[in-house]
Protein backbone atom coordinates (compact mmCIF):
# COMPACT_ATOMS: atom_id res chain seq x y z
CA MET A 1 47.72 -64.64 -16.34
CA ASN A 2 46.82 -65.45 -12.88
CA THR A 3 44.07 -68.40 -12.61
CA THR A 4 41.71 -69.14 -10.01
CA ARG A 5 42.01 -72.45 -8.55
CA TYR A 6 39.46 -74.48 -7.21
CA ASP A 7 39.16 -78.38 -6.06
CA VAL A 8 35.81 -79.08 -8.14
CA VAL A 9 34.55 -76.53 -11.11
CA ILE A 10 30.89 -77.42 -12.51
CA ILE A 11 29.72 -75.84 -15.67
CA GLY A 12 26.27 -75.58 -15.15
CA GLY A 13 24.18 -74.07 -12.53
CA GLY A 14 20.45 -76.51 -12.50
CA ALA A 15 19.33 -78.65 -10.26
CA ALA A 16 22.12 -81.20 -10.39
CA GLY A 17 24.93 -78.77 -10.73
CA LEU A 18 23.93 -76.64 -7.12
CA SER A 19 23.53 -79.85 -5.22
CA ALA A 20 26.70 -81.55 -6.78
CA ALA A 21 28.37 -77.97 -5.08
CA THR A 22 26.07 -78.37 -1.78
CA THR A 23 27.14 -81.83 -1.41
CA LEU A 24 30.75 -80.75 -2.38
CA LEU A 25 30.92 -77.58 0.24
CA ARG A 26 29.56 -79.57 2.88
CA ALA A 27 32.68 -81.81 2.78
CA LEU A 28 35.28 -78.97 2.51
CA ARG A 29 36.11 -78.10 -0.94
CA SER A 30 36.27 -75.44 -3.09
CA VAL A 31 33.97 -74.62 -5.68
CA LEU A 32 32.86 -72.75 -8.52
CA VAL A 33 29.88 -72.85 -10.91
CA ILE A 34 29.98 -71.39 -13.97
CA ASP A 35 26.25 -70.57 -14.89
CA SER A 36 24.99 -69.79 -18.68
CA GLY A 37 21.43 -69.02 -16.95
CA ALA A 38 19.26 -71.35 -20.08
CA PRO A 39 17.69 -73.69 -18.16
CA ARG A 40 15.84 -76.34 -20.50
CA ASN A 41 12.42 -75.71 -18.03
CA ALA A 42 12.59 -71.78 -18.28
CA PRO A 43 9.35 -71.60 -19.90
CA ALA A 44 7.50 -73.40 -17.47
CA ALA A 45 5.07 -72.30 -14.54
CA GLY A 46 6.82 -74.89 -11.62
CA ILE A 47 8.60 -77.89 -11.26
CA HIS A 48 6.60 -81.14 -10.60
CA GLY A 49 7.42 -84.32 -8.85
CA PHE A 50 9.34 -82.53 -6.14
CA LEU A 51 8.45 -83.77 -2.30
CA SER A 52 8.24 -79.93 -0.57
CA ARG A 53 8.90 -78.25 -4.54
CA ASP A 54 5.85 -78.27 -6.44
CA GLY A 55 4.43 -75.99 -8.23
CA MET A 56 7.64 -73.72 -7.73
CA PRO A 57 8.41 -71.39 -9.95
CA PRO A 58 11.78 -72.97 -11.89
CA SER A 59 13.69 -68.92 -11.44
CA GLU A 60 12.57 -69.52 -7.72
CA PHE A 61 13.95 -72.85 -7.26
CA LEU A 62 17.27 -71.65 -8.71
CA SER A 63 17.34 -69.13 -6.98
CA ILE A 64 17.10 -70.68 -3.81
CA GLY A 65 19.38 -73.76 -4.44
CA ARG A 66 22.54 -70.46 -5.72
CA GLY A 67 21.59 -68.79 -2.06
CA GLU A 68 22.52 -72.69 0.09
CA VAL A 69 25.56 -72.96 -2.65
CA LEU A 70 26.70 -69.10 -1.74
CA SER A 71 25.97 -70.12 1.77
CA TYR A 72 28.51 -72.32 2.20
CA GLY A 73 31.61 -70.07 1.54
CA GLY A 74 30.86 -71.42 -3.00
CA ALA A 75 31.40 -69.45 -6.07
CA VAL A 76 28.67 -68.37 -8.32
CA ILE A 77 29.76 -66.41 -11.44
CA ASP A 78 27.77 -66.45 -14.67
CA GLY A 79 28.90 -66.81 -17.72
CA GLU A 80 29.72 -69.15 -20.97
CA ALA A 81 32.72 -71.92 -20.90
CA VAL A 82 33.48 -72.29 -24.24
CA SER A 83 36.82 -74.83 -23.36
CA ALA A 84 37.93 -77.20 -21.28
CA ARG A 85 41.82 -78.55 -21.55
CA ARG A 86 43.85 -80.85 -18.71
CA ASN A 87 47.22 -79.73 -17.98
CA PRO A 88 49.31 -81.47 -14.77
CA GLU A 89 47.71 -80.31 -11.77
CA GLY A 90 43.97 -80.71 -13.22
CA PHE A 91 42.00 -78.47 -15.63
CA GLU A 92 41.27 -74.90 -17.06
CA VAL A 93 37.91 -74.20 -18.16
CA ILE A 94 37.90 -71.17 -20.46
CA LEU A 95 35.02 -68.56 -20.62
CA ASP A 96 33.56 -66.80 -23.56
CA ASP A 97 34.89 -63.56 -21.74
CA GLY A 98 38.65 -64.65 -21.61
CA ARG A 99 38.97 -65.23 -17.56
CA SER A 100 39.77 -68.74 -16.71
CA PHE A 101 39.62 -71.08 -13.57
CA ALA A 102 41.75 -74.15 -12.86
CA ALA A 103 40.29 -76.94 -10.91
CA ARG A 104 41.55 -80.82 -9.82
CA ARG A 105 38.21 -82.36 -11.24
CA LEU A 106 35.51 -81.07 -13.60
CA LEU A 107 31.37 -81.68 -13.03
CA LEU A 108 29.10 -80.70 -16.53
CA THR A 109 25.51 -80.24 -15.50
CA THR A 110 24.84 -78.26 -18.74
CA GLY A 111 21.67 -80.03 -19.26
CA LEU A 112 20.52 -80.62 -23.13
CA THR A 113 18.08 -78.87 -25.19
CA ASP A 114 15.09 -79.63 -27.59
CA GLU A 115 15.58 -80.06 -30.86
CA PHE A 116 11.19 -79.01 -32.49
CA PRO A 117 9.97 -80.27 -35.80
CA ALA A 118 9.56 -77.72 -38.35
CA ILE A 119 6.30 -76.66 -36.79
CA ASP A 120 4.32 -72.87 -36.80
CA GLY A 121 4.20 -71.87 -33.29
CA LEU A 122 4.91 -75.13 -31.56
CA ARG A 123 8.43 -73.37 -30.28
CA GLU A 124 6.31 -70.59 -29.12
CA GLN A 125 3.98 -72.97 -26.73
CA TRP A 126 6.85 -74.70 -25.51
CA GLY A 127 5.96 -75.48 -21.49
CA LYS A 128 2.10 -73.98 -21.68
CA GLY A 129 -0.02 -75.78 -23.80
CA VAL A 130 2.20 -78.18 -25.47
CA VAL A 131 4.09 -80.43 -23.08
CA HIS A 132 6.36 -83.40 -23.21
CA CYS A 133 6.30 -85.60 -20.28
CA PRO A 134 2.99 -86.98 -18.11
CA TYR A 135 4.97 -86.97 -14.35
CA CYS A 136 5.91 -83.27 -15.41
CA HIS A 137 2.71 -82.18 -17.21
CA GLY A 138 -0.50 -84.43 -16.93
CA TRP A 139 -2.26 -83.75 -13.86
CA GLU A 140 -2.25 -80.39 -14.86
CA ILE A 141 -4.24 -80.76 -17.95
CA ARG A 142 -5.98 -84.03 -16.73
CA GLY A 143 -9.21 -84.36 -18.91
CA GLN A 144 -8.61 -81.96 -21.39
CA ARG A 145 -8.60 -82.94 -24.89
CA ILE A 146 -4.82 -83.78 -25.46
CA GLY A 147 -3.17 -84.14 -28.82
CA VAL A 148 0.20 -86.17 -29.23
CA LEU A 149 2.43 -85.33 -31.88
CA GLY A 150 3.81 -87.49 -33.48
CA THR A 151 7.66 -87.40 -33.87
CA GLY A 152 9.23 -90.88 -33.77
CA PRO A 153 8.84 -94.65 -32.40
CA MET A 154 8.49 -92.98 -28.84
CA SER A 155 5.16 -91.14 -29.95
CA VAL A 156 2.79 -94.21 -29.30
CA HIS A 157 3.86 -95.08 -25.87
CA GLN A 158 3.45 -91.32 -25.50
CA ALA A 159 -0.08 -91.22 -26.16
CA LEU A 160 -0.80 -94.21 -24.45
CA LEU A 161 0.55 -93.03 -21.36
CA PHE A 162 -1.30 -89.39 -21.90
CA ARG A 163 -4.61 -91.99 -21.80
CA GLN A 164 -3.95 -92.32 -18.27
CA TRP A 165 -5.15 -88.74 -17.58
CA SER A 166 -7.55 -88.00 -20.30
CA PRO A 167 -10.15 -90.01 -22.02
CA LYS A 168 -9.83 -87.59 -24.47
CA ILE A 169 -6.52 -88.68 -26.99
CA THR A 170 -5.86 -88.09 -30.09
CA LEU A 171 -2.52 -88.74 -32.45
CA PHE A 172 -1.65 -87.39 -34.88
CA LEU A 173 1.02 -89.30 -37.07
CA ASN A 174 2.70 -86.20 -39.06
CA ASP A 175 3.42 -88.57 -42.15
CA THR A 176 6.42 -89.92 -39.39
CA VAL A 177 4.80 -92.51 -36.88
CA GLU A 178 3.82 -95.71 -38.97
CA PRO A 179 2.27 -97.78 -36.24
CA THR A 180 2.92 -101.88 -35.89
CA ASP A 181 0.15 -104.08 -36.01
CA GLU A 182 0.40 -104.67 -32.28
CA GLU A 183 0.21 -100.84 -31.52
CA TRP A 184 -3.37 -100.31 -33.93
CA GLY A 185 -4.77 -102.92 -31.87
CA ASN A 186 -3.55 -100.98 -28.16
CA LEU A 187 -4.35 -97.56 -29.31
CA ALA A 188 -7.68 -99.33 -30.76
CA ALA A 189 -8.38 -100.53 -27.18
CA ARG A 190 -7.57 -97.34 -25.79
CA ALA A 191 -9.74 -95.50 -28.04
CA VAL A 192 -7.21 -93.58 -28.55
CA THR A 193 -8.12 -91.59 -31.84
CA VAL A 194 -5.47 -91.81 -35.04
CA VAL A 195 -5.56 -89.14 -37.26
CA ASP A 196 -2.70 -89.36 -40.19
CA GLY A 197 -1.41 -86.26 -42.31
CA ALA A 198 1.24 -83.77 -41.52
CA VAL A 199 0.56 -81.57 -39.44
CA GLU A 200 1.06 -77.06 -40.94
CA SER A 201 0.52 -75.16 -37.87
CA VAL A 202 -0.14 -75.02 -33.67
CA ASP A 203 -2.54 -73.00 -33.13
CA THR A 204 -3.29 -69.90 -30.73
CA ILE A 205 -6.25 -67.94 -29.35
CA GLY A 206 -4.57 -65.33 -26.93
CA GLY A 207 -1.59 -66.83 -26.74
CA ALA A 208 -3.54 -69.93 -25.80
CA LEU A 209 -3.23 -73.27 -27.94
CA THR A 210 -6.35 -73.96 -29.55
CA GLY A 211 -5.41 -76.47 -32.30
CA LEU A 212 -4.03 -77.87 -35.01
CA THR A 213 -4.00 -77.67 -38.13
CA LEU A 214 -2.91 -80.02 -40.62
CA ARG A 215 -1.15 -79.07 -44.57
CA GLN A 216 -4.24 -80.33 -46.70
CA GLY A 217 -6.19 -77.78 -44.39
CA HIS A 218 -8.28 -79.68 -41.50
CA SER A 219 -8.10 -78.15 -38.53
CA PHE A 220 -8.61 -80.28 -35.07
CA ASP A 221 -9.51 -78.80 -30.99
CA VAL A 222 -7.16 -79.59 -29.09
CA GLN A 223 -6.23 -77.58 -25.35
CA ALA A 224 -3.03 -79.57 -24.71
CA LEU A 225 -0.28 -80.76 -27.24
CA ALA A 226 1.91 -83.50 -26.34
CA VAL A 227 5.68 -83.47 -28.31
CA GLY A 228 8.34 -85.65 -27.98
CA THR A 229 11.69 -83.97 -29.05
CA ARG A 230 14.93 -84.82 -29.91
CA MET A 231 16.99 -84.33 -26.94
CA GLU A 232 20.61 -82.85 -27.46
CA SER A 233 23.02 -83.09 -24.38
CA ARG A 234 24.76 -79.71 -24.44
CA SER A 235 27.89 -81.49 -24.45
CA THR A 236 30.71 -80.26 -26.54
CA LEU A 237 32.56 -78.60 -24.35
CA LEU A 238 34.26 -82.01 -23.58
CA GLU A 239 34.75 -82.75 -27.05
CA SER A 240 38.46 -81.11 -26.09
CA LEU A 241 38.99 -84.04 -23.49
CA GLY A 242 38.20 -87.00 -25.83
CA LEU A 243 34.61 -87.06 -25.01
CA THR A 244 31.89 -87.46 -27.66
CA SER A 245 28.03 -87.97 -26.99
CA GLN A 246 26.00 -91.21 -27.40
CA VAL A 247 22.85 -92.21 -28.99
CA HIS A 248 20.07 -92.82 -26.69
CA ALA A 249 18.64 -96.54 -27.18
CA SER A 250 15.20 -95.36 -27.56
CA GLY A 251 16.51 -92.81 -30.67
CA ALA A 252 15.41 -89.99 -28.64
CA GLY A 253 18.58 -87.74 -28.56
CA ARG A 254 22.04 -87.98 -27.50
CA PHE A 255 23.76 -88.04 -23.94
CA ILE A 256 26.88 -88.10 -22.14
CA GLU A 257 27.98 -91.31 -21.16
CA ALA A 258 28.45 -91.97 -17.27
CA ASP A 259 28.12 -95.15 -14.44
CA GLY A 260 26.10 -94.65 -12.00
CA ALA A 261 28.21 -92.61 -9.80
CA GLY A 262 28.77 -89.33 -12.81
CA ALA A 263 31.87 -90.94 -13.49
CA THR A 264 32.80 -90.22 -17.50
CA ALA A 265 35.34 -92.46 -19.43
CA ALA A 266 37.81 -89.55 -19.51
CA ARG A 267 39.90 -89.48 -16.10
CA GLY A 268 38.74 -86.72 -13.25
CA VAL A 269 35.44 -85.22 -15.45
CA TYR A 270 32.03 -86.00 -14.44
CA ALA A 271 28.48 -85.92 -15.85
CA ALA A 272 25.36 -85.61 -14.04
CA GLY A 273 21.51 -84.50 -14.76
CA ASN A 274 20.19 -84.63 -18.81
CA VAL A 275 23.32 -84.16 -20.17
CA SER A 276 23.56 -88.15 -18.95
CA ASN A 277 20.28 -88.51 -18.71
CA LEU A 278 17.60 -87.44 -21.23
CA MET A 279 14.52 -88.66 -19.34
CA ALA A 280 15.65 -87.11 -15.27
CA GLN A 281 13.28 -85.40 -13.82
CA VAL A 282 14.41 -82.17 -11.40
CA VAL A 283 14.03 -83.91 -8.78
CA THR A 284 16.13 -86.65 -10.32
CA ALA A 285 18.50 -84.40 -11.43
CA ALA A 286 18.72 -82.98 -7.82
CA ALA A 287 19.95 -86.96 -6.58
CA GLU A 288 22.39 -87.19 -9.34
CA GLY A 289 24.58 -83.66 -8.55
CA VAL A 290 24.81 -85.09 -4.87
CA MET A 291 26.03 -88.57 -5.58
CA ALA A 292 28.45 -87.18 -8.54
CA GLY A 293 29.37 -84.98 -5.31
CA ALA A 294 30.05 -87.70 -2.83
CA ARG A 295 32.14 -89.63 -5.81
CA ILE A 296 34.04 -86.54 -6.62
CA ASN A 297 34.62 -86.30 -2.63
CA ALA A 298 36.02 -89.56 -2.73
CA ASP A 299 38.15 -89.31 -5.55
CA LEU A 300 39.71 -86.41 -3.94
CA VAL A 301 40.27 -88.37 -0.57
CA GLU A 302 41.59 -90.80 -2.33
CA GLU A 303 44.46 -88.63 -4.52
CA GLU A 304 45.32 -86.72 -1.31
CA THR A 305 45.96 -90.59 0.76
CA ARG A 306 48.14 -90.97 -2.42
CA TRP A 307 50.22 -87.89 -1.66
CA ALA A 308 50.24 -87.91 2.39
CA VAL A 309 51.95 -91.79 1.59
CA GLN A 310 54.08 -90.59 -0.85
CA GLY A 311 54.76 -88.02 1.67
CA HIS A 312 55.25 -90.17 4.18
CA PHE A 313 57.50 -93.25 2.84
CA GLY A 314 58.60 -91.33 -0.79
CA PRO A 315 61.71 -90.07 -1.27
CA PHE A 316 61.53 -87.09 0.57
CA SER A 317 60.22 -88.54 3.67
CA ALA A 318 61.62 -88.03 7.31
CA ALA A 319 63.27 -92.28 7.10
CA SER A 320 64.42 -91.67 3.84
CA GLU A 321 65.76 -88.44 4.46
CA ALA A 322 67.77 -89.83 7.97
CA ALA A 323 68.68 -93.11 6.06
CA VAL A 324 70.41 -90.00 3.27
CA SER A 325 72.10 -88.44 5.95
CA ARG A 326 73.81 -91.34 7.76
CA ILE A 327 74.94 -92.66 3.54
CA VAL A 328 76.66 -88.99 3.83
CA LEU A 329 77.97 -88.69 6.44
CA GLY A 330 78.85 -91.25 8.19
CA ASP A 331 79.09 -90.97 11.68
CA ARG A 332 79.38 -86.97 11.84
CA ARG A 333 76.58 -85.53 13.78
CA HIS A 334 75.48 -81.54 13.57
CA GLY A 335 78.14 -80.98 10.98
CA PHE A 336 81.22 -81.85 12.52
CA ASP A 337 83.67 -85.24 12.99
CA VAL A 338 84.42 -86.38 16.85
CA GLY A 339 87.33 -88.64 15.10
CA ASP A 340 88.33 -92.01 14.91
CA LYS A 341 89.21 -91.89 18.67
CA PHE A 342 85.53 -91.84 19.47
CA ARG A 343 83.81 -93.34 16.40
CA GLY A 344 80.76 -95.43 17.38
CA ILE A 345 80.29 -93.44 21.38
CA GLY A 346 77.79 -90.37 21.19
CA PRO A 347 78.92 -86.35 21.35
CA ALA A 348 78.94 -85.85 25.20
CA ALA A 349 81.11 -88.70 25.91
CA ALA A 350 83.51 -87.93 23.39
CA VAL A 351 83.67 -84.59 25.65
CA GLU A 352 84.33 -86.64 28.36
CA ARG A 353 87.82 -87.98 26.85
CA SER A 354 89.26 -85.32 25.00
């Protein structure tokens, strides 16, 4: 089976992956981006916090990014990468349709998935009436009646954050959150309403969120709901390479550990964006992709320099070949022996004296 080879295969075609691809292509590298077409922010109306791209629909942002990758000679394909394995030349990536591609380096930018509490109507409102990040969505819901659904230890912090955007914040403990004495004091000082009891459903009319209903039947009018989901990096692919996800210190989910330039514990494997940074916004993921691309290129340059040094000074260098020739041929030159009479003098002199 013929396998197309690239300097770098990038798995994941979001902000991090496309930014890394562009950086590498501008460094004259051959790059393939494999994208499954399931971006986390697909339900959102627009991206925010990205200078010059504020409010742009995610699909438009990705389309422009793909176009830039293609303009530099990169390859982008739609597909699901299901496994990767190491080989003497680097890595082989296998897709669910049987196609395979080889790479000297591998970059994972597959993002994450959000796990939701089992509440009727919640998932359907994700990216609409249900939001998660005040810096992504706070401006759009400023001044509204905002509910914060208790899902874990960070929910009190989330309620206090959203208080910056509206004075009408209600924290629903949802039989999950138990504020400390200090947190109760903070909530009271910021006039955050607190409601006890498990949430049964997210209520809507005509597709718009209108409120929450508790299991005991009480309903509350809210115009937007903030939810801290459990975030799981899409990293199953890396298990075959010896990498496993780690629990985030905040308890918010699991991620692939990488250094500041994207290098993981597995040699030649890099990660960027939400797969390694659960809190990264779009602009952050794009920046991490640029950093990872630059690091990968530097890694490849170091490898190519080692190859060049081995070729210049190694066992098959010009100097080594000359030394071997002297050992094997002695005074013979160009395949003939000048004989003892002329040994030690050049061929021209040997002809004159013959």
